[in-house]
Amino acid sequence: MAETPRRIVVGVDGSLGSVHALAWALREAMTDGAEVEALLVWSDAWAITGPPSLFGAGREGLHRLKATVADAVSRAVREVPGSEAVKVTERVIPGHAAEGLVAESESASMLVVGTTGLSGIRRWMLGSVSQHCAQLAHVPVVIVPTPGHRQPVHAGRRGNGYEEGEAGSEVSR
């Protein structure tokens, strides 16, 4: 009986931090044949912080969010030579980002998130998705910093491109 490959879930929001998180996950997946799922969980809170909200946007808004995930995956694949062979699934689901990622972690082997660098009132209003995931996920969580921000936090293997101190609907390909 064939063993099911590990599933690494990566939170994606189109930010540079999420692209670096995807790149880290691709490197990790290349070590043992794991599959990567790029997951964008949207809510109307995005109207305050970034990508367009879907409130009243219908199919056009969903299309924009799917394009956001596809673009992030393309950018990460270009960043990691040889990662074209990694199976990546792209998904967009409604909900609160942290709660959606934690729920998806139940059937994953690892959860990877980036940092977006929110501060001040936006962090107070929205909370930290990475902190929420680190506290409540059902699997190890890796928080990959945006280069120039904080040090990396490792909750799994080391040696995947971000060492201590370095700045570092479904579609399948």
N, C-alpha and C. Protein backbone atom coordinates (compact mmCIF):
# COMPACT_ATOMS: atom_id res chain seq x y z
N MET A 1 0.83 -1.17 0.00
CA MET A 1 0.00 0.00 0.00
C MET A 1 0.88 1.25 0.00
N ALA A 2 0.63 2.15 -0.93
CA ALA A 2 1.44 3.37 -1.06
C ALA A 2 1.13 4.33 0.08
N GLU A 3 2.17 4.94 0.60
CA GLU A 3 2.02 5.90 1.68
C GLU A 3 1.59 7.25 1.10
N THR A 4 0.65 7.90 1.76
CA THR A 4 0.19 9.22 1.33
C THR A 4 1.28 10.24 1.63
N PRO A 5 1.62 11.10 0.67
CA PRO A 5 2.66 12.11 0.93
C PRO A 5 2.22 13.10 2.00
N ARG A 6 3.21 13.66 2.69
CA ARG A 6 2.90 14.71 3.67
C ARG A 6 2.24 15.87 2.96
N ARG A 7 1.38 16.58 3.69
CA ARG A 7 0.69 17.76 3.16
C ARG A 7 1.11 18.95 4.00
N ILE A 8 1.74 19.92 3.34
CA ILE A 8 2.17 21.15 4.00
C ILE A 8 1.21 22.25 3.58
N VAL A 9 0.49 22.83 4.54
CA VAL A 9 -0.44 23.91 4.26
C VAL A 9 0.28 25.23 4.48
N VAL A 10 0.15 26.14 3.51
CA VAL A 10 0.81 27.44 3.59
C VAL A 10 -0.24 28.54 3.49
N GLY A 11 -0.27 29.44 4.47
CA GLY A 11 -1.17 30.58 4.42
C GLY A 11 -0.66 31.60 3.41
N VAL A 12 -1.53 32.00 2.49
CA VAL A 12 -1.15 32.93 1.42
C VAL A 12 -2.09 34.13 1.44
N ASP A 13 -1.52 35.32 1.32
CA ASP A 13 -2.36 36.52 1.21
C ASP A 13 -1.85 37.48 0.13
N GLY A 14 -0.85 37.04 -0.62
CA GLY A 14 -0.30 37.88 -1.68
C GLY A 14 0.86 38.75 -1.23
N SER A 15 1.12 38.78 0.06
CA SER A 15 2.21 39.61 0.58
C SER A 15 3.56 38.96 0.30
N LEU A 16 4.62 39.75 0.42
CA LEU A 16 5.98 39.23 0.27
C LEU A 16 6.23 38.15 1.30
N GLY A 17 5.71 38.33 2.51
CA GLY A 17 5.87 37.33 3.57
C GLY A 17 5.27 35.99 3.18
N SER A 18 4.11 36.00 2.53
CA SER A 18 3.50 34.72 2.16
C SER A 18 4.24 34.06 1.00
N VAL A 19 4.84 34.86 0.13
CA VAL A 19 5.65 34.28 -0.96
C VAL A 19 6.88 33.60 -0.36
N HIS A 20 7.51 34.22 0.63
CA HIS A 20 8.67 33.60 1.29
C HIS A 20 8.26 32.35 2.05
N ALA A 21 7.07 32.34 2.65
CA ALA A 21 6.57 31.15 3.34
C ALA A 21 6.36 30.02 2.33
N LEU A 22 5.80 30.34 1.17
CA LEU A 22 5.63 29.34 0.12
C LEU A 22 6.98 28.80 -0.35
N ALA A 23 7.95 29.67 -0.52
CA ALA A 23 9.28 29.23 -0.96
C ALA A 23 9.89 28.29 0.08
N TRP A 24 9.73 28.61 1.36
CA TRP A 24 10.25 27.75 2.41
C TRP A 24 9.57 26.38 2.33
N ALA A 25 8.25 26.37 2.16
CA ALA A 25 7.50 25.11 2.08
C ALA A 25 7.91 24.29 0.86
N LEU A 26 8.18 24.95 -0.26
CA LEU A 26 8.64 24.23 -1.45
C LEU A 26 9.97 23.55 -1.18
N ARG A 27 10.89 24.26 -0.52
CA ARG A 27 12.18 23.65 -0.17
C ARG A 27 11.97 22.44 0.74
N GLU A 28 11.11 22.59 1.70
CA GLU A 28 10.81 21.49 2.64
C GLU A 28 10.21 20.31 1.88
N ALA A 29 9.27 20.57 0.99
CA ALA A 29 8.61 19.51 0.23
C ALA A 29 9.59 18.77 -0.66
N MET A 30 10.59 19.45 -1.16
CA MET A 30 11.57 18.82 -2.05
C MET A 30 12.42 17.79 -1.30
N THR A 31 12.47 17.85 0.04
CA THR A 31 13.30 16.92 0.80
C THR A 31 12.70 15.53 0.87
N ASP A 32 11.36 15.40 0.76
CA ASP A 32 10.75 14.08 0.93
C ASP A 32 9.50 13.84 0.09
N GLY A 33 9.26 14.69 -0.91
CA GLY A 33 8.11 14.46 -1.79
C GLY A 33 6.78 14.92 -1.23
N ALA A 34 6.81 15.77 -0.24
CA ALA A 34 5.56 16.29 0.33
C ALA A 34 4.82 17.12 -0.72
N GLU A 35 3.52 17.29 -0.50
CA GLU A 35 2.70 18.15 -1.33
C GLU A 35 2.45 19.45 -0.58
N VAL A 36 2.29 20.53 -1.33
CA VAL A 36 2.07 21.85 -0.74
C VAL A 36 0.68 22.34 -1.12
N GLU A 37 -0.02 22.89 -0.16
CA GLU A 37 -1.31 23.51 -0.43
C GLU A 37 -1.21 24.99 -0.09
N ALA A 38 -1.35 25.83 -1.11
CA ALA A 38 -1.35 27.28 -0.93
C ALA A 38 -2.79 27.70 -0.65
N LEU A 39 -3.05 28.18 0.55
CA LEU A 39 -4.41 28.45 1.00
C LEU A 39 -4.60 29.92 1.34
N LEU A 40 -5.54 30.55 0.67
CA LEU A 40 -5.91 31.92 0.97
C LEU A 40 -7.29 31.87 1.65
N VAL A 41 -7.35 32.37 2.87
CA VAL A 41 -8.61 32.45 3.61
C VAL A 41 -8.98 33.92 3.66
N TRP A 42 -10.12 34.27 3.06
CA TRP A 42 -10.48 35.69 2.96
C TRP A 42 -11.62 36.03 3.91
N SER A 43 -11.62 37.30 4.30
CA SER A 43 -12.72 37.87 5.08
C SER A 43 -12.83 39.34 4.74
N ASP A 44 -13.90 39.96 5.17
CA ASP A 44 -14.08 41.37 4.86
C ASP A 44 -13.11 42.27 5.61
N ALA A 45 -12.39 41.72 6.59
CA ALA A 45 -11.37 42.52 7.29
C ALA A 45 -10.26 42.93 6.33
N TRP A 46 -10.10 42.20 5.22
CA TRP A 46 -9.07 42.56 4.25
C TRP A 46 -9.31 43.93 3.66
N ALA A 47 -10.51 44.43 3.74
CA ALA A 47 -10.79 45.77 3.22
C ALA A 47 -9.95 46.80 3.96
N ILE A 48 -9.57 46.49 5.21
CA ILE A 48 -8.77 47.40 6.02
C ILE A 48 -7.28 47.23 5.73
N THR A 49 -6.85 45.99 5.50
CA THR A 49 -5.42 45.71 5.50
C THR A 49 -4.76 45.41 4.17
N GLY A 50 -5.50 45.08 3.16
CA GLY A 50 -4.78 44.68 1.95
C GLY A 50 -5.67 44.31 0.79
N PRO A 51 -5.52 43.07 0.29
CA PRO A 51 -6.24 42.66 -0.92
C PRO A 51 -7.74 42.95 -0.83
N PRO A 52 -8.37 43.10 -1.97
CA PRO A 52 -9.77 43.52 -1.98
C PRO A 52 -10.68 42.52 -1.30
N SER A 53 -11.65 43.07 -0.57
CA SER A 53 -12.65 42.26 0.11
C SER A 53 -13.61 41.68 -0.92
N LEU A 54 -14.24 40.58 -0.58
CA LEU A 54 -15.22 39.99 -1.47
C LEU A 54 -16.63 40.49 -1.16
N PHE A 55 -16.78 41.38 -0.18
CA PHE A 55 -18.12 41.82 0.19
C PHE A 55 -18.80 42.42 -1.04
N GLY A 56 -19.80 41.72 -1.55
CA GLY A 56 -20.53 42.19 -2.71
C GLY A 56 -19.78 42.09 -4.02
N ALA A 57 -18.61 41.45 -4.03
CA ALA A 57 -17.79 41.43 -5.25
C ALA A 57 -18.12 40.26 -6.17
N GLY A 58 -18.78 39.23 -5.65
CA GLY A 58 -19.20 38.11 -6.47
C GLY A 58 -18.06 37.39 -7.15
N ARG A 59 -18.32 36.91 -8.37
CA ARG A 59 -17.33 36.13 -9.11
C ARG A 59 -16.06 36.91 -9.41
N GLU A 60 -16.19 38.20 -9.66
CA GLU A 60 -15.00 39.02 -9.96
C GLU A 60 -14.04 39.02 -8.77
N GLY A 61 -14.59 39.17 -7.56
CA GLY A 61 -13.74 39.16 -6.36
C GLY A 61 -13.08 37.81 -6.15
N LEU A 62 -13.82 36.74 -6.35
CA LEU A 62 -13.25 35.41 -6.20
C LEU A 62 -12.15 35.19 -7.24
N HIS A 63 -12.38 35.66 -8.45
CA HIS A 63 -11.36 35.55 -9.50
C HIS A 63 -10.08 36.29 -9.09
N ARG A 64 -10.23 37.49 -8.52
CA ARG A 64 -9.05 38.26 -8.07
C ARG A 64 -8.29 37.51 -6.99
N LEU A 65 -9.01 36.89 -6.05
CA LEU A 65 -8.34 36.18 -4.97
C LEU A 65 -7.63 34.92 -5.49
N LYS A 66 -8.25 34.21 -6.43
CA LYS A 66 -7.58 33.06 -7.04
C LYS A 66 -6.33 33.50 -7.78
N ALA A 67 -6.40 34.65 -8.44
CA ALA A 67 -5.23 35.19 -9.14
C ALA A 67 -4.13 35.56 -8.15
N THR A 68 -4.50 36.05 -6.97
CA THR A 68 -3.53 36.38 -5.93
C THR A 68 -2.75 35.13 -5.51
N VAL A 69 -3.47 34.02 -5.30
CA VAL A 69 -2.80 32.77 -4.92
C VAL A 69 -1.91 32.28 -6.05
N ALA A 70 -2.42 32.27 -7.27
CA ALA A 70 -1.64 31.78 -8.41
C ALA A 70 -0.36 32.60 -8.59
N ASP A 71 -0.46 33.91 -8.42
CA ASP A 71 0.72 34.78 -8.55
C ASP A 71 1.74 34.47 -7.46
N ALA A 72 1.28 34.29 -6.23
CA ALA A 72 2.20 33.99 -5.12
C ALA A 72 2.92 32.66 -5.38
N VAL A 73 2.18 31.65 -5.85
CA VAL A 73 2.79 30.36 -6.15
C VAL A 73 3.83 30.52 -7.26
N SER A 74 3.51 31.23 -8.32
CA SER A 74 4.46 31.44 -9.43
C SER A 74 5.73 32.12 -8.95
N ARG A 75 5.57 33.15 -8.11
CA ARG A 75 6.73 33.87 -7.59
C ARG A 75 7.60 32.96 -6.73
N ALA A 76 6.98 32.13 -5.88
CA ALA A 76 7.74 31.23 -5.01
C ALA A 76 8.46 30.17 -5.83
N VAL A 77 7.80 29.62 -6.83
CA VAL A 77 8.42 28.59 -7.67
C VAL A 77 9.64 29.18 -8.40
N ARG A 78 9.53 30.41 -8.87
CA ARG A 78 10.68 31.06 -9.53
C ARG A 78 11.84 31.25 -8.55
N GLU A 79 11.52 31.43 -7.27
CA GLU A 79 12.54 31.67 -6.25
C GLU A 79 13.29 30.39 -5.86
N VAL A 80 12.67 29.22 -6.08
CA VAL A 80 13.26 27.96 -5.63
C VAL A 80 13.55 27.05 -6.83
N PRO A 81 14.79 27.01 -7.29
CA PRO A 81 15.13 26.16 -8.43
C PRO A 81 14.77 24.69 -8.16
N GLY A 82 14.17 24.04 -9.15
CA GLY A 82 13.81 22.64 -9.03
C GLY A 82 12.46 22.37 -8.40
N SER A 83 11.79 23.42 -7.93
CA SER A 83 10.52 23.23 -7.21
C SER A 83 9.34 22.99 -8.15
N GLU A 84 9.58 23.07 -9.46
CA GLU A 84 8.49 22.83 -10.41
C GLU A 84 7.91 21.43 -10.26
N ALA A 85 8.70 20.50 -9.73
CA ALA A 85 8.26 19.12 -9.58
C ALA A 85 7.35 18.91 -8.36
N VAL A 86 7.31 19.88 -7.46
CA VAL A 86 6.48 19.76 -6.26
C VAL A 86 5.01 19.96 -6.63
N LYS A 87 4.15 19.07 -6.17
CA LYS A 87 2.71 19.22 -6.42
C LYS A 87 2.19 20.33 -5.50
N VAL A 88 1.60 21.36 -6.11
CA VAL A 88 1.04 22.48 -5.36
C VAL A 88 -0.45 22.59 -5.69
N THR A 89 -1.27 22.63 -4.66
CA THR A 89 -2.70 22.85 -4.82
C THR A 89 -3.01 24.26 -4.34
N GLU A 90 -3.81 24.98 -5.10
CA GLU A 90 -4.19 26.35 -4.74
C GLU A 90 -5.66 26.36 -4.34
N ARG A 91 -5.96 26.95 -3.18
CA ARG A 91 -7.34 27.02 -2.72
C ARG A 91 -7.66 28.39 -2.14
N VAL A 92 -8.92 28.79 -2.30
CA VAL A 92 -9.44 30.02 -1.70
C VAL A 92 -10.70 29.63 -0.94
N ILE A 93 -10.74 29.95 0.35
CA ILE A 93 -11.92 29.64 1.15
C ILE A 93 -12.32 30.86 1.98
N PRO A 94 -13.61 31.00 2.29
CA PRO A 94 -14.05 32.12 3.12
C PRO A 94 -13.81 31.84 4.59
N GLY A 95 -13.64 32.89 5.37
CA GLY A 95 -13.51 32.75 6.81
C GLY A 95 -12.45 33.67 7.37
N HIS A 96 -12.25 33.57 8.67
CA HIS A 96 -11.19 34.30 9.36
C HIS A 96 -9.87 33.58 9.07
N ALA A 97 -8.85 34.30 8.67
CA ALA A 97 -7.60 33.68 8.22
C ALA A 97 -7.03 32.71 9.25
N ALA A 98 -6.86 33.15 10.48
CA ALA A 98 -6.24 32.28 11.49
C ALA A 98 -7.10 31.06 11.78
N GLU A 99 -8.39 31.24 11.90
CA GLU A 99 -9.28 30.12 12.19
C GLU A 99 -9.31 29.12 11.04
N GLY A 100 -9.32 29.62 9.81
CA GLY A 100 -9.32 28.74 8.64
C GLY A 100 -8.04 27.94 8.54
N LEU A 101 -6.90 28.57 8.79
CA LEU A 101 -5.62 27.87 8.73
C LEU A 101 -5.51 26.82 9.84
N VAL A 102 -5.97 27.16 11.03
CA VAL A 102 -5.94 26.20 12.13
C VAL A 102 -6.84 25.00 11.80
N ALA A 103 -8.02 25.25 11.25
CA ALA A 103 -8.92 24.16 10.87
C ALA A 103 -8.27 23.26 9.82
N GLU A 104 -7.61 23.85 8.83
CA GLU A 104 -6.96 23.08 7.78
C GLU A 104 -5.75 22.30 8.32
N SER A 105 -5.18 22.77 9.42
CA SER A 105 -4.02 22.07 9.98
C SER A 105 -4.39 20.69 10.53
N GLU A 106 -5.66 20.45 10.77
CA GLU A 106 -6.08 19.14 11.30
C GLU A 106 -5.72 18.00 10.36
N SER A 107 -5.72 18.25 9.06
CA SER A 107 -5.43 17.20 8.10
C SER A 107 -4.08 17.40 7.41
N ALA A 108 -3.22 18.24 7.98
CA ALA A 108 -1.90 18.53 7.40
C ALA A 108 -0.81 17.93 8.28
N SER A 109 0.40 17.94 7.77
CA SER A 109 1.55 17.51 8.57
C SER A 109 2.34 18.71 9.09
N MET A 110 2.11 19.87 8.49
CA MET A 110 2.82 21.09 8.89
C MET A 110 2.04 22.29 8.38
N LEU A 111 2.09 23.38 9.13
CA LEU A 111 1.48 24.65 8.72
C LEU A 111 2.59 25.68 8.63
N VAL A 112 2.64 26.40 7.51
CA VAL A 112 3.67 27.41 7.30
C VAL A 112 2.98 28.74 7.02
N VAL A 113 3.40 29.77 7.74
CA VAL A 113 2.86 31.11 7.54
C VAL A 113 4.01 32.11 7.49
N GLY A 114 3.76 33.21 6.83
CA GLY A 114 4.73 34.30 6.79
C GLY A 114 4.30 35.39 7.74
N THR A 115 5.11 36.42 7.81
CA THR A 115 4.76 37.60 8.59
C THR A 115 4.47 38.73 7.63
N THR A 116 3.47 39.54 7.96
CA THR A 116 3.13 40.66 7.09
C THR A 116 3.60 41.98 7.66
N GLY A 117 4.02 41.98 8.90
CA GLY A 117 4.53 43.20 9.49
C GLY A 117 3.45 44.18 9.92
N LEU A 118 2.22 43.71 10.17
CA LEU A 118 1.20 44.61 10.68
C LEU A 118 1.64 45.15 12.02
N SER A 119 1.32 46.38 12.29
CA SER A 119 1.64 46.94 13.60
C SER A 119 0.56 47.95 13.97
N GLY A 120 0.65 48.43 15.17
CA GLY A 120 -0.27 49.47 15.62
C GLY A 120 -1.72 49.04 15.63
N ILE A 121 -2.58 49.93 15.14
CA ILE A 121 -4.02 49.73 15.20
C ILE A 121 -4.48 48.53 14.39
N ARG A 122 -3.86 48.28 13.24
CA ARG A 122 -4.29 47.13 12.42
C ARG A 122 -4.03 45.80 13.13
N ARG A 123 -2.88 45.66 13.79
CA ARG A 123 -2.60 44.43 14.54
C ARG A 123 -3.56 44.32 15.72
N TRP A 124 -3.83 45.42 16.40
CA TRP A 124 -4.75 45.40 17.53
C TRP A 124 -6.15 44.98 17.08
N MET A 125 -6.60 45.49 15.94
CA MET A 125 -7.94 45.18 15.45
C MET A 125 -8.03 43.75 14.91
N LEU A 126 -7.00 43.30 14.23
CA LEU A 126 -7.07 42.03 13.52
C LEU A 126 -6.34 40.89 14.21
N GLY A 127 -5.42 41.20 15.10
CA GLY A 127 -4.64 40.17 15.75
C GLY A 127 -3.54 39.65 14.83
N SER A 128 -2.74 38.76 15.36
CA SER A 128 -1.64 38.18 14.60
C SER A 128 -2.05 36.78 14.15
N VAL A 129 -2.16 36.59 12.84
CA VAL A 129 -2.51 35.28 12.31
C VAL A 129 -1.44 34.26 12.69
N SER A 130 -0.17 34.63 12.55
CA SER A 130 0.89 33.67 12.86
C SER A 130 0.88 33.28 14.34
N GLN A 131 0.64 34.23 15.22
CA GLN A 131 0.60 33.93 16.65
C GLN A 131 -0.58 33.00 16.96
N HIS A 132 -1.73 33.28 16.39
CA HIS A 132 -2.92 32.44 16.59
C HIS A 132 -2.64 31.02 16.12
N CYS A 133 -2.05 30.88 14.94
CA CYS A 133 -1.73 29.56 14.39
C CYS A 133 -0.73 28.83 15.28
N ALA A 134 0.31 29.52 15.72
CA ALA A 134 1.32 28.89 16.56
C ALA A 134 0.73 28.36 17.86
N GLN A 135 -0.26 29.04 18.39
CA GLN A 135 -0.87 28.62 19.65
C GLN A 135 -1.89 27.50 19.48
N LEU A 136 -2.61 27.46 18.34
CA LEU A 136 -3.76 26.56 18.24
C LEU A 136 -3.69 25.48 17.16
N ALA A 137 -2.70 25.53 16.28
CA ALA A 137 -2.62 24.55 15.20
C ALA A 137 -2.43 23.14 15.76
N HIS A 138 -2.86 22.17 14.98
CA HIS A 138 -2.80 20.76 15.37
C HIS A 138 -1.50 20.10 14.94
N VAL A 139 -0.63 20.83 14.27
CA VAL A 139 0.63 20.32 13.74
C VAL A 139 1.73 21.34 13.99
N PRO A 140 3.00 20.97 13.76
CA PRO A 140 4.06 21.97 13.88
C PRO A 140 3.81 23.16 12.95
N VAL A 141 4.17 24.35 13.43
CA VAL A 141 3.99 25.59 12.68
C VAL A 141 5.36 26.21 12.45
N VAL A 142 5.60 26.63 11.21
CA VAL A 142 6.82 27.36 10.88
C VAL A 142 6.40 28.76 10.49
N ILE A 143 6.99 29.75 11.15
CA ILE A 143 6.70 31.16 10.85
C ILE A 143 7.93 31.72 10.16
N VAL A 144 7.75 32.06 8.88
CA VAL A 144 8.87 32.54 8.06
C VAL A 144 8.79 34.06 7.99
N PRO A 145 9.81 34.75 8.47
CA PRO A 145 9.77 36.21 8.46
C PRO A 145 9.99 36.80 7.07
N THR A 146 9.46 37.96 6.87
CA THR A 146 9.77 38.72 5.67
C THR A 146 11.19 39.24 5.84
N PRO A 147 12.03 39.12 4.81
CA PRO A 147 13.40 39.62 4.94
C PRO A 147 13.42 41.05 5.46
N GLY A 148 14.34 41.28 6.40
CA GLY A 148 14.45 42.61 6.99
C GLY A 148 13.59 42.78 8.23
N HIS A 149 12.77 41.78 8.55
CA HIS A 149 11.94 41.84 9.76
C HIS A 149 12.62 41.05 10.86
N ARG A 150 11.91 40.20 11.55
CA ARG A 150 12.42 39.44 12.69
C ARG A 150 13.20 38.20 12.27
N GLN A 151 13.80 37.55 13.28
CA GLN A 151 14.50 36.29 13.07
C GLN A 151 13.49 35.18 12.77
N PRO A 152 13.88 34.14 12.03
CA PRO A 152 12.96 33.05 11.74
C PRO A 152 12.63 32.23 12.98
N VAL A 153 11.44 31.67 12.99
CA VAL A 153 11.02 30.77 14.04
C VAL A 153 10.87 29.40 13.40
N HIS A 154 11.57 28.40 13.92
CA HIS A 154 11.53 27.06 13.35
C HIS A 154 10.79 26.13 14.28
N ALA A 155 9.84 25.39 13.73
CA ALA A 155 9.14 24.39 14.51
C ALA A 155 9.28 23.03 13.84
N GLY A 156 10.25 22.90 12.99
CA GLY A 156 10.48 21.66 12.26
C GLY A 156 11.95 21.51 11.96
N ARG A 157 12.26 20.88 10.84
CA ARG A 157 13.65 20.71 10.44
C ARG A 157 14.30 22.03 10.10
N ARG A 158 15.61 22.06 10.20
CA ARG A 158 16.37 23.23 9.77
C ARG A 158 16.99 22.94 8.43
N GLY A 159 17.58 23.94 7.82
CA GLY A 159 18.31 23.72 6.59
C GLY A 159 17.46 23.87 5.34
N ASN A 160 16.40 24.65 5.42
CA ASN A 160 15.54 24.83 4.27
C ASN A 160 15.62 26.24 3.71
N GLY A 161 16.76 26.89 3.90
CA GLY A 161 16.96 28.19 3.28
C GLY A 161 16.83 29.37 4.21
N TYR A 162 16.29 29.17 5.38
CA TYR A 162 16.13 30.27 6.33
C TYR A 162 16.73 29.85 7.65
N GLU A 163 18.02 30.06 7.82
CA GLU A 163 18.70 29.70 9.04
C GLU A 163 18.64 30.85 10.03
N GLU A 164 18.92 30.56 11.27
CA GLU A 164 18.94 31.60 12.29
C GLU A 164 19.83 32.75 11.83
N GLY A 165 19.32 33.95 11.95
CA GLY A 165 20.10 35.12 11.63
C GLY A 165 20.00 35.60 10.19
N GLU A 166 19.48 34.78 9.29
CA GLU A 166 19.34 35.23 7.91
C GLU A 166 18.03 35.98 7.72
N ALA A 167 18.08 37.01 6.88
CA ALA A 167 16.83 37.66 6.51
C ALA A 167 16.15 36.78 5.46
N GLY A 168 15.90 36.54 5.76
CA GLY A 168 15.35 35.60 4.82
C GLY A 168 13.90 35.89 4.16
N SER A 169 -13.14 26.22 -5.00
CA SER A 169 -12.45 25.94 -6.09
C SER A 169 -11.03 25.53 -6.10
N GLU A 170 -10.39 24.58 -6.50
CA GLU A 170 -9.09 24.04 -6.37
C GLU A 170 -8.38 23.97 -7.70
N VAL A 171 -7.10 24.26 -7.69
CA VAL A 171 -6.30 24.16 -8.91
C VAL A 171 -5.02 23.45 -8.53
N SER A 172 -4.63 22.44 -9.28
CA SER A 172 -3.34 21.75 -9.04
C SER A 172 -2.45 21.95 -10.24
N ARG A 173 -1.16 21.94 -10.00
CA ARG A 173 -0.23 21.98 -11.13
C ARG A 173 0.64 20.78 -11.07
